[in-house]
């Protein structure tokens, strides 16, 4: 029974998302309008409709004008609330911000701004996706309200964003206006880091290469302090300013950075489990970047020449995130 319900639910969600893709295409900035807005009575609204029907039947049977008048008044209130709920909802524009790349063991942060024309002030919006939601009261004096929603962790790769359900109950809470919006921004998820030893290969070939765990050092331009002069120190490092003051021979102590340029290869850490191997590579590229080591990157299908710096790190992590992924983006069709 449970399997049948899950299969039916999965089929219904698939068809609904397919219909939404045609009706409400993905956009990074969406103004609510007649095309992308849905409106129905809330649970309180359905209760009010039941009361109206009951009063109308009661007033008709007993020919009581006061009861009929109450049913007409309540009906007018419902219609007026319907109109104002729609007008309030469609005065807003939702702008999605780009996703910050994350690792596969961390939540994805969805950031957006809700802009208003201020025809109706106040109110509250609810954003939800993947069984997570956030309620955001709107500032009556601000034209734009920032909203953040934490999505559950995604698997490694480049993903389409899920559809975000946006709803409000403005106007006595009798009607619920909602929409399903989807950002065009992609979600980039890196493999998390798994600590391991690091072997750098001096040349990127399958033969005649020399793995090395130690790296040669070279002088950097970072001055760490002053120390006593040693005979092996070069003269151009001597602090002649201190010599002139009669403080003796002192040497400027510069920090050392790794000067070796080597290669990281996926074949060296491949242990049967691809995802585990990619997590090991993720740790290695992050560690070497922190140590400011120049290194090349070889995944077999893709190679990156030895470099260093933040741009090089992001490029390597991107290659790890999208390794083995097809050109078509994976799309998660879980509950919204």
C-alpha atoms as a PDB file:
ATOM      1  CA  UNK A   1       0.000   0.000   0.000  1.00  0.00           C
ATOM      2  CA  UNK A   2       2.798   2.374   0.949  1.00  0.00           C
ATOM      3  CA  UNK A   3       4.655   1.633  -2.287  1.00  0.00           C
ATOM      4  CA  UNK A   4       1.534   2.352  -4.325  1.00  0.00           C
ATOM      5  CA  UNK A   5       1.045   5.675  -2.566  1.00  0.00           C
ATOM      6  CA  UNK A   6       4.699   6.648  -3.119  1.00  0.00           C
ATOM      7  CA  UNK A   7       4.536   5.642  -6.794  1.00  0.00           C
ATOM      8  CA  UNK A   8       1.335   7.659  -7.295  1.00  0.00           C
ATOM      9  CA  UNK A   9       2.839  10.634  -5.507  1.00  0.00           C
ATOM     10  CA  UNK A  10       6.011  10.480  -7.593  1.00  0.00           C
ATOM     11  CA  UNK A  11       4.006  10.300 -10.820  1.00  0.00           C
ATOM     12  CA  UNK A  12       1.811  13.217  -9.776  1.00  0.00           C
ATOM     13  CA  UNK A  13       4.825  15.378  -8.839  1.00  0.00           C
ATOM     14  CA  UNK A  14       6.514  14.563 -12.157  1.00  0.00           C
ATOM     15  CA  UNK A  15       3.465  15.580 -14.181  1.00  0.00           C
ATOM     16  CA  UNK A  16       2.922  18.687 -12.067  1.00  0.00           C
ATOM     17  CA  UNK A  17       6.534  19.811 -12.542  1.00  0.00           C
ATOM     18  CA  UNK A  18       6.292  19.155 -16.274  1.00  0.00           C
ATOM     19  CA  UNK A  19       3.178  21.343 -16.446  1.00  0.00           C
ATOM     20  CA  UNK A  20       4.845  24.048 -14.325  1.00  0.00           C
ATOM     21  CA  UNK A  21       7.879  24.088 -16.624  1.00  0.00           C
ATOM     22  CA  UNK A  22       5.623  25.094 -19.498  1.00  0.00           C
ATOM     23  CA  UNK A  23       3.451  27.525 -17.547  1.00  0.00           C
ATOM     24  CA  UNK A  24       6.083  29.144 -15.304  1.00  0.00           C
ATOM     25  CA  UNK A  25       9.581  28.989 -16.874  1.00  0.00           C
ATOM     26  CA  UNK A  26      12.647  29.430 -14.688  1.00  0.00           C
ATOM     27  CA  UNK A  27      13.585  33.078 -14.129  1.00  0.00           C
ATOM     28  CA  UNK A  28      15.919  34.866 -11.730  1.00  0.00           C
ATOM     29  CA  UNK A  29      13.434  37.728 -11.345  1.00  0.00           C
ATOM     30  CA  UNK A  30       9.696  37.054 -11.365  1.00  0.00           C
ATOM     31  CA  UNK A  31       6.784  39.458 -10.959  1.00  0.00           C
ATOM     32  CA  UNK A  32       3.642  37.746  -9.683  1.00  0.00           C
ATOM     33  CA  UNK A  33       0.810  37.997 -12.184  1.00  0.00           C
ATOM     34  CA  UNK A  34      -2.229  36.150 -13.499  1.00  0.00           C
ATOM     35  CA  UNK A  35      -0.056  33.544 -15.243  1.00  0.00           C
ATOM     36  CA  UNK A  36       2.003  32.370 -12.283  1.00  0.00           C
ATOM     37  CA  UNK A  37      -0.406  33.011  -9.386  1.00  0.00           C
ATOM     38  CA  UNK A  38      -2.828  30.516  -7.861  1.00  0.00           C
ATOM     39  CA  UNK A  39      -5.501  31.427  -5.335  1.00  0.00           C
ATOM     40  CA  UNK A  40      -7.918  29.303  -3.303  1.00  0.00           C
ATOM     41  CA  UNK A  41      -9.692  29.686   0.059  1.00  0.00           C
ATOM     42  CA  UNK A  42      -7.666  28.776   3.105  1.00  0.00           C
ATOM     43  CA  UNK A  43      -9.024  26.362   5.717  1.00  0.00           C
ATOM     44  CA  UNK A  44     -10.541  29.347   7.491  1.00  0.00           C
ATOM     45  CA  UNK A  45     -11.934  30.553   4.162  1.00  0.00           C
ATOM     46  CA  UNK A  46     -13.623  27.190   3.476  1.00  0.00           C
ATOM     47  CA  UNK A  47     -15.151  27.361   6.966  1.00  0.00           C
ATOM     48  CA  UNK A  48     -16.527  30.825   6.158  1.00  0.00           C
ATOM     49  CA  UNK A  49     -17.987  29.541   2.872  1.00  0.00           C
ATOM     50  CA  UNK A  50     -19.689  26.709   4.766  1.00  0.00           C
ATOM     51  CA  UNK A  51     -21.130  29.249   7.207  1.00  0.00           C
ATOM     52  CA  UNK A  52     -22.430  31.385   4.304  1.00  0.00           C
ATOM     53  CA  UNK A  53     -24.156  28.359   2.747  1.00  0.00           C
ATOM     54  CA  UNK A  54     -25.613  27.380   6.105  1.00  0.00           C
ATOM     55  CA  UNK A  55     -26.939  30.911   6.779  1.00  0.00           C
ATOM     56  CA  UNK A  56     -28.413  31.152   3.299  1.00  0.00           C
ATOM     57  CA  UNK A  57     -30.261  27.829   3.646  1.00  0.00           C
ATOM     58  CA  UNK A  58     -31.397  28.745   7.164  1.00  0.00           C
ATOM     59  CA  UNK A  59     -32.620  32.197   6.148  1.00  0.00           C
ATOM     60  CA  UNK A  60     -34.422  30.830   3.075  1.00  0.00           C
ATOM     61  CA  UNK A  61     -36.219  28.085   4.973  1.00  0.00           C
ATOM     62  CA  UNK A  62     -37.350  30.355   7.798  1.00  0.00           C
ATOM     63  CA  UNK A  63     -37.734  33.439   5.581  1.00  0.00           C
ATOM     64  CA  UNK A  64     -35.590  35.426   7.986  1.00  0.00           C
ATOM     65  CA  UNK A  65     -34.248  38.586   6.351  1.00  0.00           C
ATOM     66  CA  UNK A  66     -31.674  39.180   9.088  1.00  0.00           C
ATOM     67  CA  UNK A  67     -30.085  35.755   8.550  1.00  0.00           C
ATOM     68  CA  UNK A  68     -30.169  36.257   4.768  1.00  0.00           C
ATOM     69  CA  UNK A  69     -28.574  39.661   5.239  1.00  0.00           C
ATOM     70  CA  UNK A  70     -25.775  38.074   7.271  1.00  0.00           C
ATOM     71  CA  UNK A  71     -25.137  35.521   4.521  1.00  0.00           C
ATOM     72  CA  UNK A  72     -25.036  38.287   1.880  1.00  0.00           C
ATOM     73  CA  UNK A  73     -22.680  40.379   4.017  1.00  0.00           C
ATOM     74  CA  UNK A  74     -20.339  37.431   4.579  1.00  0.00           C
ATOM     75  CA  UNK A  75     -20.401  36.658   0.849  1.00  0.00           C
ATOM     76  CA  UNK A  76     -19.441  40.249   0.055  1.00  0.00           C
ATOM     77  CA  UNK A  77     -16.635  40.047   2.604  1.00  0.00           C
ATOM     78  CA  UNK A  78     -15.309  36.902   0.937  1.00  0.00           C
ATOM     79  CA  UNK A  79     -15.362  38.475  -2.527  1.00  0.00           C
ATOM     80  CA  UNK A  80     -13.667  41.637  -1.257  1.00  0.00           C
ATOM     81  CA  UNK A  81     -11.005  39.558   0.493  1.00  0.00           C
ATOM     82  CA  UNK A  82     -10.434  37.587  -2.717  1.00  0.00           C
ATOM     83  CA  UNK A  83      -9.840  40.793  -4.675  1.00  0.00           C
ATOM     84  CA  UNK A  84      -7.473  42.359  -2.116  1.00  0.00           C
ATOM     85  CA  UNK A  85      -5.529  39.124  -1.586  1.00  0.00           C
ATOM     86  CA  UNK A  86      -4.778  38.912  -5.297  1.00  0.00           C
ATOM     87  CA  UNK A  87      -3.907  42.621  -5.552  1.00  0.00           C
ATOM     88  CA  UNK A  88      -1.559  42.339  -2.585  1.00  0.00           C
ATOM     89  CA  UNK A  89       0.203  39.242  -3.897  1.00  0.00           C
ATOM     90  CA  UNK A  90       0.719  40.580  -7.425  1.00  0.00           C
ATOM     91  CA  UNK A  91       2.330  43.812  -6.238  1.00  0.00           C
ATOM     92  CA  UNK A  92       5.481  41.873  -5.352  1.00  0.00           C
ATOM     93  CA  UNK A  93       8.528  40.793  -7.361  1.00  0.00           C
ATOM     94  CA  UNK A  94      10.876  38.049  -6.205  1.00  0.00           C
ATOM     95  CA  UNK A  95      14.561  38.313  -7.185  1.00  0.00           C
ATOM     96  CA  UNK A  96      16.815  35.267  -6.669  1.00  0.00           C
ATOM     97  CA  UNK A  97      20.509  35.734  -5.887  1.00  0.00           C
ATOM     98  CA  UNK A  98      23.222  33.398  -7.270  1.00  0.00           C
ATOM     99  CA  UNK A  99      23.948  30.337  -5.163  1.00  0.00           C
ATOM    100  CA  UNK A 100      27.257  30.178  -3.314  1.00  0.00           C
ATOM    101  CA  UNK A 101      29.073  26.901  -4.116  1.00  0.00           C
ATOM    102  CA  UNK A 102      28.919  24.483  -1.203  1.00  0.00           C
ATOM    103  CA  UNK A 103      30.190  21.056  -0.212  1.00  0.00           C
ATOM    104  CA  UNK A 104      27.961  17.987  -0.285  1.00  0.00           C
ATOM    105  CA  UNK A 105      27.751  17.768   3.519  1.00  0.00           C
ATOM    106  CA  UNK A 106      26.440  21.308   4.015  1.00  0.00           C
ATOM    107  CA  UNK A 107      23.078  22.994   3.536  1.00  0.00           C
ATOM    108  CA  UNK A 108      22.480  25.079   0.411  1.00  0.00           C
ATOM    109  CA  UNK A 109      21.554  28.677   1.157  1.00  0.00           C
ATOM    110  CA  UNK A 110      18.870  30.203  -1.070  1.00  0.00           C
ATOM    111  CA  UNK A 111      18.999  33.999  -0.947  1.00  0.00           C
ATOM    112  CA  UNK A 112      16.395  36.269  -2.516  1.00  0.00           C
ATOM    113  CA  UNK A 113      14.808  39.690  -2.239  1.00  0.00           C
ATOM    114  CA  UNK A 114      11.080  40.413  -2.202  1.00  0.00           C
ATOM    115  CA  UNK A 115      10.328  43.793  -3.743  1.00  0.00           C
ATOM    116  CA  UNK A 116       7.005  45.604  -3.345  1.00  0.00           C
ATOM    117  CA  UNK A 117       5.285  48.554  -5.006  1.00  0.00           C
ATOM    118  CA  UNK A 118       3.893  49.473  -1.542  1.00  0.00           C
ATOM    119  CA  UNK A 119       0.255  49.697  -2.659  1.00  0.00           C
ATOM    120  CA  UNK A 120      -0.487  47.443   0.310  1.00  0.00           C
ATOM    121  CA  UNK A 121       1.982  47.536   3.214  1.00  0.00           C
ATOM    122  CA  UNK A 122       2.895  44.879   5.741  1.00  0.00           C
ATOM    123  CA  UNK A 123       1.942  41.241   5.472  1.00  0.00           C
ATOM    124  CA  UNK A 124       3.984  38.066   5.586  1.00  0.00           C
ATOM    125  CA  UNK A 125       5.327  35.658   2.964  1.00  0.00           C
ATOM    126  CA  UNK A 126       6.203  31.984   3.376  1.00  0.00           C
ATOM    127  CA  UNK A 127       8.901  30.340   1.232  1.00  0.00           C
ATOM    128  CA  UNK A 128       9.236  26.562   1.250  1.00  0.00           C
ATOM    129  CA  UNK A 129      11.043  23.773  -0.600  1.00  0.00           C
ATOM    130  CA  UNK A 130      12.084  20.210   0.259  1.00  0.00           C
ATOM    131  CA  UNK A 131       9.962  20.212   3.446  1.00  0.00           C
ATOM    132  CA  UNK A 132      11.742  23.304   4.758  1.00  0.00           C
ATOM    133  CA  UNK A 133      10.108  26.705   5.073  1.00  0.00           C
ATOM    134  CA  UNK A 134      10.761  30.191   6.358  1.00  0.00           C
ATOM    135  CA  UNK A 135       8.254  32.887   7.318  1.00  0.00           C
ATOM    136  CA  UNK A 136       9.295  36.427   6.527  1.00  0.00           C
ATOM    137  CA  UNK A 137       7.271  39.442   7.716  1.00  0.00           C
ATOM    138  CA  UNK A 138       7.628  42.356   5.327  1.00  0.00           C
ATOM    139  CA  UNK A 139       8.912  45.714   6.498  1.00  0.00           C
ATOM    140  CA  UNK A 140       6.269  48.328   5.735  1.00  0.00           C
ATOM    141  CA  UNK A 141       8.956  50.985   5.154  1.00  0.00           C
ATOM    142  CA  UNK A 142      11.388  48.974   3.021  1.00  0.00           C
ATOM    143  CA  UNK A 143      10.955  48.480  -0.718  1.00  0.00           C
ATOM    144  CA  UNK A 144      12.885  45.184  -0.651  1.00  0.00           C
ATOM    145  CA  UNK A 145      13.010  42.504   2.046  1.00  0.00           C
ATOM    146  CA  UNK A 146      15.905  39.976   2.064  1.00  0.00           C
ATOM    147  CA  UNK A 147      14.873  36.353   2.661  1.00  0.00           C
ATOM    148  CA  UNK A 148      17.089  33.298   3.194  1.00  0.00           C
ATOM    149  CA  UNK A 149      16.000  29.665   3.037  1.00  0.00           C
ATOM    150  CA  UNK A 150      18.265  26.754   3.969  1.00  0.00           C
ATOM    151  CA  UNK A 151      17.864  23.829   1.583  1.00  0.00           C
ATOM    152  CA  UNK A 152      19.066  20.323   2.514  1.00  0.00           C
ATOM    153  CA  UNK A 153      22.477  19.135   1.237  1.00  0.00           C
ATOM    154  CA  UNK A 154      22.683  18.152  -2.431  1.00  0.00           C
ATOM    155  CA  UNK A 155      24.831  15.462  -3.983  1.00  0.00           C
ATOM    156  CA  UNK A 156      28.067  16.376  -5.712  1.00  0.00           C
ATOM    157  CA  UNK A 157      27.513  18.006  -9.078  1.00  0.00           C
ATOM    158  CA  UNK A 158      25.884  20.893 -10.885  1.00  0.00           C
ATOM    159  CA  UNK A 159      22.126  20.941 -10.291  1.00  0.00           C
ATOM    160  CA  UNK A 160      19.054  22.811 -11.395  1.00  0.00           C
ATOM    161  CA  UNK A 161      17.446  24.690  -8.528  1.00  0.00           C
ATOM    162  CA  UNK A 162      14.246  23.178  -7.100  1.00  0.00           C
ATOM    163  CA  UNK A 163      10.983  25.047  -7.432  1.00  0.00           C
ATOM    164  CA  UNK A 164      10.310  27.374  -4.527  1.00  0.00           C
ATOM    165  CA  UNK A 165       6.770  27.629  -3.204  1.00  0.00           C
ATOM    166  CA  UNK A 166       5.885  31.235  -2.318  1.00  0.00           C
ATOM    167  CA  UNK A 167       2.609  31.893  -0.500  1.00  0.00           C
ATOM    168  CA  UNK A 168       0.790  34.411   1.677  1.00  0.00           C
ATOM    169  CA  UNK A 169      -2.542  34.732   3.525  1.00  0.00           C
ATOM    170  CA  UNK A 170      -3.075  38.469   3.284  1.00  0.00           C
ATOM    171  CA  UNK A 171      -6.597  39.787   3.870  1.00  0.00           C
ATOM    172  CA  UNK A 172      -8.171  38.195   7.024  1.00  0.00           C
ATOM    173  CA  UNK A 173      -6.504  34.878   6.156  1.00  0.00           C
ATOM    174  CA  UNK A 174      -9.522  33.820   4.073  1.00  0.00           C
ATOM    175  CA  UNK A 175      -7.578  33.132   0.869  1.00  0.00           C
ATOM    176  CA  UNK A 176      -4.192  31.632   0.121  1.00  0.00           C
ATOM    177  CA  UNK A 177      -2.215  33.013  -2.822  1.00  0.00           C
ATOM    178  CA  UNK A 178       0.782  31.005  -3.932  1.00  0.00           C
ATOM    179  CA  UNK A 179       3.151  30.347  -6.798  1.00  0.00           C
ATOM    180  CA  UNK A 180       5.953  27.931  -7.739  1.00  0.00           C
ATOM    181  CA  UNK A 181       9.040  29.796  -8.930  1.00  0.00           C
ATOM    182  CA  UNK A 182      12.363  28.393 -10.079  1.00  0.00           C
ATOM    183  CA  UNK A 183      15.663  30.322 -10.237  1.00  0.00           C
ATOM    184  CA  UNK A 184      17.795  30.013 -13.355  1.00  0.00           C
ATOM    185  CA  UNK A 185      20.913  29.996 -11.187  1.00  0.00           C
ATOM    186  CA  UNK A 186      22.589  26.590 -10.935  1.00  0.00           C
ATOM    187  CA  UNK A 187      23.640  24.950  -7.683  1.00  0.00           C
ATOM    188  CA  UNK A 188      27.295  23.874  -7.638  1.00  0.00           C
ATOM    189  CA  UNK A 189      28.160  21.258  -5.009  1.00  0.00           C
ATOM    190  CA  UNK A 190      31.770  20.251  -4.341  1.00  0.00           C
ATOM    191  CA  UNK A 191      32.765  16.877  -2.888  1.00  0.00           C
ATOM    192  CA  UNK A 192      33.525  17.180   0.818  1.00  0.00           C
ATOM    193  CA  UNK A 193      37.094  16.767   2.034  1.00  0.00           C
ATOM    194  CA  UNK A 194      38.469  13.434   3.265  1.00  0.00           C
ATOM    195  CA  UNK A 195      41.884  13.680   4.884  1.00  0.00           C
ATOM    196  CA  UNK A 196      44.737  11.686   3.334  1.00  0.00           C
ATOM    197  CA  UNK A 197      48.439  11.816   2.571  1.00  0.00           C
ATOM    198  CA  UNK A 198      49.522  13.885  -0.435  1.00  0.00           C
ATOM    199  CA  UNK A 199      51.809  12.639  -3.231  1.00  0.00           C
ATOM    200  CA  UNK A 200      52.959  15.176  -5.791  1.00  0.00           C
ATOM    201  CA  UNK A 201      54.411  13.863  -9.071  1.00  0.00           C
ATOM    202  CA  UNK A 202      57.179  15.903 -10.631  1.00  0.00           C
ATOM    203  CA  UNK A 203      55.966  15.097 -14.161  1.00  0.00           C
ATOM    204  CA  UNK A 204      52.511  14.102 -15.255  1.00  0.00           C
ATOM    205  CA  UNK A 205      53.256  10.776 -16.969  1.00  0.00           C
ATOM    206  CA  UNK A 206      52.414   7.220 -16.117  1.00  0.00           C
ATOM    207  CA  UNK A 207      56.093   6.249 -16.142  1.00  0.00           C
ATOM    208  CA  UNK A 208      59.349   7.763 -14.940  1.00  0.00           C
ATOM    209  CA  UNK A 209      57.583  10.122 -12.543  1.00  0.00           C
ATOM    210  CA  UNK A 210      58.750  10.692  -8.996  1.00  0.00           C
ATOM    211  CA  UNK A 211      56.160  11.090  -6.218  1.00  0.00           C
ATOM    212  CA  UNK A 212      57.299  13.345  -3.409  1.00  0.00           C
ATOM    213  CA  UNK A 213      55.712  14.179  -0.059  1.00  0.00           C
ATOM    214  CA  UNK A 214      58.319  16.820   0.703  1.00  0.00           C
ATOM    215  CA  UNK A 215      58.573  19.992  -1.287  1.00  0.00           C
ATOM    216  CA  UNK A 216      61.501  22.305  -1.797  1.00  0.00           C
ATOM    217  CA  UNK A 217      61.332  25.708  -0.162  1.00  0.00           C
ATOM    218  CA  UNK A 218      61.946  29.121  -1.613  1.00  0.00           C
ATOM    219  CA  UNK A 219      62.105  32.532  -0.019  1.00  0.00           C
ATOM    220  CA  UNK A 220      58.975  34.674  -0.042  1.00  0.00           C
ATOM    221  CA  UNK A 221      58.547  38.431   0.350  1.00  0.00           C
ATOM    222  CA  UNK A 222      56.831  38.068   3.743  1.00  0.00           C
ATOM    223  CA  UNK A 223      59.067  39.564   6.462  1.00  0.00           C
ATOM    224  CA  UNK A 224      58.579  37.585   9.680  1.00  0.00           C
ATOM    225  CA  UNK A 225      61.102  39.390  11.912  1.00  0.00           C
ATOM    226  CA  UNK A 226      64.743  40.049  12.747  1.00  0.00           C
ATOM    227  CA  UNK A 227      67.238  37.407  13.988  1.00  0.00           C
ATOM    228  CA  UNK A 228      70.950  37.081  14.608  1.00  0.00           C
ATOM    229  CA  UNK A 229      73.216  36.877  11.569  1.00  0.00           C
ATOM    230  CA  UNK A 230      74.418  33.427  10.459  1.00  0.00           C
ATOM    231  CA  UNK A 231      77.368  32.945   8.118  1.00  0.00           C
ATOM    232  CA  UNK A 232      75.179  31.194   5.550  1.00  0.00           C
ATOM    233  CA  UNK A 233      72.796  34.166   5.324  1.00  0.00           C
ATOM    234  CA  UNK A 234      73.092  36.291   2.151  1.00  0.00           C
ATOM    235  CA  UNK A 235      74.424  39.811   2.692  1.00  0.00           C
ATOM    236  CA  UNK A 236      71.432  41.433   1.020  1.00  0.00           C
ATOM    237  CA  UNK A 237      69.294  40.145   3.918  1.00  0.00           C
ATOM    238  CA  UNK A 238      71.417  41.966   6.504  1.00  0.00           C
ATOM    239  CA  UNK A 239      69.566  44.779   8.298  1.00  0.00           C
ATOM    240  CA  UNK A 240      72.110  47.575   7.740  1.00  0.00           C
ATOM    241  CA  UNK A 241      69.863  49.944   9.614  1.00  0.00           C
ATOM    242  CA  UNK A 242      70.524  48.030  12.837  1.00  0.00           C
ATOM    243  CA  UNK A 243      74.236  47.771  11.996  1.00  0.00           C
ATOM    244  CA  UNK A 244      74.419  51.564  11.682  1.00  0.00           C
ATOM    245  CA  UNK A 245      72.860  51.896  15.142  1.00  0.00           C
ATOM    246  CA  UNK A 246      75.580  49.678  16.591  1.00  0.00           C
ATOM    247  CA  UNK A 247      73.284  46.762  17.340  1.00  0.00           C
ATOM    248  CA  UNK A 248      75.456  44.239  15.531  1.00  0.00           C
ATOM    249  CA  UNK A 249      74.823  42.052  12.494  1.00  0.00           C
ATOM    250  CA  UNK A 250      71.120  41.184  12.271  1.00  0.00           C
ATOM    251  CA  UNK A 251      69.326  39.417   9.441  1.00  0.00           C
ATOM    252  CA  UNK A 252      65.859  39.963   8.060  1.00  0.00           C
ATOM    253  CA  UNK A 253      63.958  36.688   8.422  1.00  0.00           C
ATOM    254  CA  UNK A 254      61.689  36.027   5.456  1.00  0.00           C
ATOM    255  CA  UNK A 255      59.067  33.275   5.409  1.00  0.00           C
ATOM    256  CA  UNK A 256      59.448  30.256   3.212  1.00  0.00           C
ATOM    257  CA  UNK A 257      56.907  28.957   0.733  1.00  0.00           C
ATOM    258  CA  UNK A 258      56.787  25.746  -1.167  1.00  0.00           C
ATOM    259  CA  UNK A 259      58.540  26.043  -4.463  1.00  0.00           C
ATOM    260  CA  UNK A 260      57.924  22.628  -5.962  1.00  0.00           C
ATOM    261  CA  UNK A 261      55.484  22.287  -8.820  1.00  0.00           C
ATOM    262  CA  UNK A 262      53.883  18.851  -8.979  1.00  0.00           C
ATOM    263  CA  UNK A 263      50.806  17.006 -10.151  1.00  0.00           C
ATOM    264  CA  UNK A 264      47.833  15.490  -8.342  1.00  0.00           C
ATOM    265  CA  UNK A 265      46.366  12.507 -10.180  1.00  0.00           C
ATOM    266  CA  UNK A 266      43.036  10.803  -9.617  1.00  0.00           C
ATOM    267  CA  UNK A 267      44.518   7.417 -10.550  1.00  0.00           C
ATOM    268  CA  UNK A 268      46.803   7.601  -7.513  1.00  0.00           C
ATOM    269  CA  UNK A 269      43.903   7.764  -5.048  1.00  0.00           C
ATOM    270  CA  UNK A 270      41.390   5.602  -6.930  1.00  0.00           C
ATOM    271  CA  UNK A 271      40.353   2.893  -4.470  1.00  0.00           C
ATOM    272  CA  UNK A 272      37.284   1.468  -6.174  1.00  0.00           C
ATOM    273  CA  UNK A 273      34.870   4.031  -4.721  1.00  0.00           C
ATOM    274  CA  UNK A 274      34.767   7.030  -7.042  1.00  0.00           C
ATOM    275  CA  UNK A 275      33.056   9.401  -4.596  1.00  0.00           C
ATOM    276  CA  UNK A 276      35.565   8.591  -1.864  1.00  0.00           C
ATOM    277  CA  UNK A 277      38.439   9.195  -4.291  1.00  0.00           C
ATOM    278  CA  UNK A 278      36.985  12.559  -5.291  1.00  0.00           C
ATOM    279  CA  UNK A 279      36.650  13.536  -1.621  1.00  0.00           C
ATOM    280  CA  UNK A 280      40.333  12.699  -1.132  1.00  0.00           C
ATOM    281  CA  UNK A 281      41.230  14.866  -4.133  1.00  0.00           C
ATOM    282  CA  UNK A 282      39.081  17.653  -2.700  1.00  0.00           C
ATOM    283  CA  UNK A 283      41.068  17.592   0.526  1.00  0.00           C
ATOM    284  CA  UNK A 284      44.379  17.576  -1.323  1.00  0.00           C
ATOM    285  CA  UNK A 285      43.638  20.568  -3.562  1.00  0.00           C
ATOM    286  CA  UNK A 286      42.367  22.585  -0.582  1.00  0.00           C
ATOM    287  CA  UNK A 287      45.388  21.713   1.547  1.00  0.00           C
ATOM    288  CA  UNK A 288      47.899  22.525  -1.186  1.00  0.00           C
ATOM    289  CA  UNK A 289      46.153  25.825  -1.931  1.00  0.00           C
ATOM    290  CA  UNK A 290      46.345  26.802   1.735  1.00  0.00           C
ATOM    291  CA  UNK A 291      50.064  25.998   1.665  1.00  0.00           C
ATOM    292  CA  UNK A 292      50.410  28.105  -1.521  1.00  0.00           C
ATOM    293  CA  UNK A 293      51.898  25.174  -3.431  1.00  0.00           C
ATOM    294  CA  UNK A 294      51.793  25.229  -7.211  1.00  0.00           C
ATOM    295  CA  UNK A 295      50.307  21.985  -8.462  1.00  0.00           C
ATOM    296  CA  UNK A 296      48.822  20.500 -11.584  1.00  0.00           C
ATOM    297  CA  UNK A 297      45.582  18.584 -11.650  1.00  0.00           C
ATOM    298  CA  UNK A 298      44.880  15.429 -13.643  1.00  0.00           C
ATOM    299  CA  UNK A 299      41.539  13.626 -13.651  1.00  0.00           C
ATOM    300  CA  UNK A 300      42.363  11.528 -16.700  1.00  0.00           C
ATOM    301  CA  UNK A 301      39.785  13.232 -18.915  1.00  0.00           C
ATOM    302  CA  UNK A 302      40.677  16.775 -17.820  1.00  0.00           C
ATOM    303  CA  UNK A 303      44.023  18.331 -16.956  1.00  0.00           C
ATOM    304  CA  UNK A 304      44.885  21.707 -15.421  1.00  0.00           C
ATOM    305  CA  UNK A 305      48.446  23.006 -15.640  1.00  0.00           C
ATOM    306  CA  UNK A 306      50.346  23.752 -12.403  1.00  0.00           C
ATOM    307  CA  UNK A 307      49.190  26.993 -10.837  1.00  0.00           C
ATOM    308  CA  UNK A 308      48.280  28.399  -7.439  1.00  0.00           C
ATOM    309  CA  UNK A 309      45.766  30.826  -6.008  1.00  0.00           C
ATOM    310  CA  UNK A 310      42.046  30.974  -5.340  1.00  0.00           C
ATOM    311  CA  UNK A 311      41.066  30.850  -9.015  1.00  0.00           C
ATOM    312  CA  UNK A 312      43.063  27.653  -9.492  1.00  0.00           C
ATOM    313  CA  UNK A 313      41.435  26.100  -6.410  1.00  0.00           C
ATOM    314  CA  UNK A 314      37.924  26.947  -7.617  1.00  0.00           C
ATOM    315  CA  UNK A 315      38.702  25.540 -11.061  1.00  0.00           C
ATOM    316  CA  UNK A 316      39.940  22.259  -9.567  1.00  0.00           C
ATOM    317  CA  UNK A 317      36.919  21.969  -7.255  1.00  0.00           C
ATOM    318  CA  UNK A 318      34.602  22.642 -10.196  1.00  0.00           C
ATOM    319  CA  UNK A 319      36.209  19.818 -12.170  1.00  0.00           C
ATOM    320  CA  UNK A 320      35.806  17.512  -9.163  1.00  0.00           C
ATOM    321  CA  UNK A 321      32.163  18.528  -8.709  1.00  0.00           C
ATOM    322  CA  UNK A 322      31.222  17.892 -12.341  1.00  0.00           C
ATOM    323  CA  UNK A 323      33.417  14.828 -12.915  1.00  0.00           C
ATOM    324  CA  UNK A 324      31.451  12.137 -14.749  1.00  0.00           C
ATOM    325  CA  UNK A 325      28.320  14.285 -14.929  1.00  0.00           C
ATOM    326  CA  UNK A 326      26.394  14.487 -18.186  1.00  0.00           C
ATOM    327  CA  UNK A 327      25.813  17.807 -19.886  1.00  0.00           C
ATOM    328  CA  UNK A 328      22.185  17.746 -18.893  1.00  0.00           C
ATOM    329  CA  UNK A 329      21.764  19.056 -15.377  1.00  0.00           C
ATOM    330  CA  UNK A 330      20.469  16.669 -12.743  1.00  0.00           C
ATOM    331  CA  UNK A 331      17.140  17.835 -11.471  1.00  0.00           C
ATOM    332  CA  UNK A 332      15.817  16.991  -8.057  1.00  0.00           C
ATOM    333  CA  UNK A 333      12.078  16.356  -8.031  1.00  0.00           C
ATOM    334  CA  UNK A 334      11.453  15.848  -4.371  1.00  0.00           C
ATOM    335  CA  UNK A 335       8.718  17.530  -2.390  1.00  0.00           C
ATOM    336  CA  UNK A 336       8.612  21.306  -2.500  1.00  0.00           C
END
